[in-house]
Amino acid sequence: MGNRLNHVRDQFDNLTKQQEAAKSEIGKPFPQEQELKDKISRLAVLDTELNMGIEVSNSKEGYKKRILNLNVLLY
């Protein structure tokens, strides 16, 4: 019984320390937050451009035009 009690106390102490560490991390900003926002914004722009201006064509010329448009949008 004494060993079990010591083990449970150790686990409790460990969990308490983990909780304190987690609480201190909550207030910190996400290091890549701005990069994530920029990429989400760029993705939304690309989605909009892809969905509005590209005509569907099965010809080789239409395919080449779509690839060219995608390259321009991506870079």
C-alpha atoms as a PDB file:
ATOM      1  CA  MET A   1       0.000   0.000   0.000  1.00  0.00           C
ATOM      2  CA  GLY A   2       2.852   2.416   0.853  1.00  0.00           C
ATOM      3  CA  ASN A   3       4.600   1.853  -2.504  1.00  0.00           C
ATOM      4  CA  ARG A   4       1.370   2.399  -4.385  1.00  0.00           C
ATOM      5  CA  LEU A   5       0.692   5.620  -2.485  1.00  0.00           C
ATOM      6  CA  ASN A   6       4.184   6.932  -3.274  1.00  0.00           C
ATOM      7  CA  HIS A   7       3.746   6.004  -6.923  1.00  0.00           C
ATOM      8  CA  VAL A   8       0.398   7.813  -7.124  1.00  0.00           C
ATOM      9  CA  ARG A   9       1.866  10.884  -5.415  1.00  0.00           C
ATOM     10  CA  ASP A  10       4.755  10.931  -7.896  1.00  0.00           C
ATOM     11  CA  GLN A  11       2.293  10.694 -10.788  1.00  0.00           C
ATOM     12  CA  PHE A  12       0.236  13.522  -9.302  1.00  0.00           C
ATOM     13  CA  ASP A  13       3.326  15.724  -8.905  1.00  0.00           C
ATOM     14  CA  ASN A  14       4.336  14.989 -12.477  1.00  0.00           C
ATOM     15  CA  LEU A  15       0.873  15.839 -13.792  1.00  0.00           C
ATOM     16  CA  THR A  16       0.826  19.058 -11.773  1.00  0.00           C
ATOM     17  CA  LYS A  17       4.162  20.111 -13.301  1.00  0.00           C
ATOM     18  CA  GLN A  18       2.885  19.270 -16.793  1.00  0.00           C
ATOM     19  CA  GLN A  19      -0.245  21.335 -16.161  1.00  0.00           C
ATOM     20  CA  GLU A  20       1.813  24.331 -15.047  1.00  0.00           C
ATOM     21  CA  ALA A  21       4.023  24.026 -18.134  1.00  0.00           C
ATOM     22  CA  ALA A  22       0.968  23.836 -20.382  1.00  0.00           C
ATOM     23  CA  LYS A  23      -0.565  26.922 -18.765  1.00  0.00           C
ATOM     24  CA  SER A  24       2.616  28.902 -19.403  1.00  0.00           C
ATOM     25  CA  GLU A  25       2.577  27.849 -23.086  1.00  0.00           C
ATOM     26  CA  ILE A  26      -1.006  29.027 -23.639  1.00  0.00           C
ATOM     27  CA  GLY A  27      -0.081  32.701 -23.590  1.00  0.00           C
ATOM     28  CA  LYS A  28       2.813  32.366 -26.014  1.00  0.00           C
ATOM     29  CA  PRO A  29       2.239  33.185 -29.689  1.00  0.00           C
ATOM     30  CA  PHE A  30       2.492  30.469 -32.318  1.00  0.00           C
ATOM     31  CA  PRO A  31       5.967  30.987 -33.905  1.00  0.00           C
ATOM     32  CA  GLN A  32       4.802  30.456 -37.496  1.00  0.00           C
ATOM     33  CA  GLU A  33       1.454  32.234 -37.057  1.00  0.00           C
ATOM     34  CA  GLN A  34       2.150  34.995 -39.595  1.00  0.00           C
ATOM     35  CA  GLU A  35       3.499  32.516 -42.149  1.00  0.00           C
ATOM     36  CA  LEU A  36       0.356  30.396 -41.727  1.00  0.00           C
ATOM     37  CA  LYS A  37      -1.899  33.431 -42.221  1.00  0.00           C
ATOM     38  CA  ASP A  38       0.035  34.446 -45.355  1.00  0.00           C
ATOM     39  CA  LYS A  39      -0.222  30.972 -46.859  1.00  0.00           C
ATOM     40  CA  ILE A  40      -3.929  30.672 -46.077  1.00  0.00           C
ATOM     41  CA  SER A  41      -4.488  34.045 -47.719  1.00  0.00           C
ATOM     42  CA  ARG A  42      -2.450  33.040 -50.790  1.00  0.00           C
ATOM     43  CA  LEU A  43      -4.372  29.771 -51.038  1.00  0.00           C
ATOM     44  CA  ALA A  44      -7.696  31.633 -50.988  1.00  0.00           C
ATOM     45  CA  VAL A  45      -6.497  33.940 -53.781  1.00  0.00           C
ATOM     46  CA  LEU A  46      -5.309  31.000 -55.883  1.00  0.00           C
ATOM     47  CA  ASP A  47      -8.569  29.132 -55.334  1.00  0.00           C
ATOM     48  CA  THR A  48     -10.568  32.150 -56.464  1.00  0.00           C
ATOM     49  CA  GLU A  49      -8.422  32.709 -59.533  1.00  0.00           C
ATOM     50  CA  LEU A  50      -8.511  29.047 -60.497  1.00  0.00           C
ATOM     51  CA  ASN A  51     -12.281  28.881 -60.209  1.00  0.00           C
ATOM     52  CA  MET A  52     -13.136  31.999 -62.200  1.00  0.00           C
ATOM     53  CA  GLY A  53     -10.931  32.531 -65.205  1.00  0.00           C
ATOM     54  CA  ILE A  54      -9.918  29.252 -66.751  1.00  0.00           C
ATOM     55  CA  GLU A  55     -12.002  27.844 -69.564  1.00  0.00           C
ATOM     56  CA  VAL A  56     -12.296  24.102 -69.903  1.00  0.00           C
ATOM     57  CA  SER A  57     -10.883  22.728 -73.123  1.00  0.00           C
ATOM     58  CA  ASN A  58      -9.750  19.303 -74.180  1.00  0.00           C
ATOM     59  CA  SER A  59      -7.469  20.541 -76.945  1.00  0.00           C
ATOM     60  CA  LYS A  60      -3.697  20.585 -76.570  1.00  0.00           C
ATOM     61  CA  GLU A  61      -3.705  24.361 -76.910  1.00  0.00           C
ATOM     62  CA  GLY A  62      -6.315  24.731 -74.149  1.00  0.00           C
ATOM     63  CA  TYR A  63      -4.306  22.403 -71.915  1.00  0.00           C
ATOM     64  CA  LYS A  64      -1.110  24.381 -72.518  1.00  0.00           C
ATOM     65  CA  LYS A  65      -2.971  27.607 -71.760  1.00  0.00           C
ATOM     66  CA  ARG A  66      -4.267  26.208 -68.448  1.00  0.00           C
ATOM     67  CA  ILE A  67      -0.776  25.060 -67.447  1.00  0.00           C
ATOM     68  CA  LEU A  68       0.645  28.473 -68.327  1.00  0.00           C
ATOM     69  CA  ASN A  69      -2.077  30.183 -66.280  1.00  0.00           C
ATOM     70  CA  LEU A  70      -1.344  27.932 -63.302  1.00  0.00           C
ATOM     71  CA  ASN A  71       2.359  28.684 -63.505  1.00  0.00           C
ATOM     72  CA  VAL A  72       1.672  32.410 -63.565  1.00  0.00           C
ATOM     73  CA  LEU A  73      -0.665  32.135 -60.576  1.00  0.00           C
ATOM     74  CA  LEU A  74       1.744  30.032 -58.534  1.00  0.00           C
ATOM     75  CA  TYR A  75       4.816  32.201 -59.073  1.00  0.00           C
END
